[in-house]
Amino acid sequence: MPKIFQEFKEFAIKGNMLDLAVAVIIGGAFGKIITSLVNDIIMPCFGFVMGGVKFSSLNVILKEAVLNGTGEKISEAITLNYGNFIQSTVDFLIIASSIFLMIKILNKVRRKQEKTEEKAPGKEELLLTEIRDLLKKK
């Protein structure tokens, strides 16, 4: 059993588990920000442009609510809530676009960094250049 604990400790210390935990926490917070952006800013603007429609309330009634003689509900109405689907689709598109843009920016920065690393000569190249220059002088 101690070997398993040792392997787990090495795994956790390497950073794999810590990186994953940080990614999950930041992803959850990012999801909340995007959800708020969609629900509180984008969807109200769409609703305003479309004449005051609130997307989350859009539905089709498949079966009306059943009421008894006094007006109390015996069973709830059955509805097809397509407005929630529209809202979730817009949520997804914005999240996917945001992640795509972040990855695109990170790849651009990474490529730029790789180009600068390729241009800068390493220690071995500098030493070989010095040796070549010394041999030319002789």
Foldseek 3Di string as FASTA:
>chain_A
DVVVVVVVVVVVVVCPVVVVVVVVVVVVVVLVVLLCCLQPPVQCVVCVVVPNDRLQPDWAFPACFDADPVGDTPGHTDIGRVSVVVSVVVSVVVVVVVVVVVVVVVVVVVVVVVVVVVPDDDPVVVVVVVVVVVVVVD
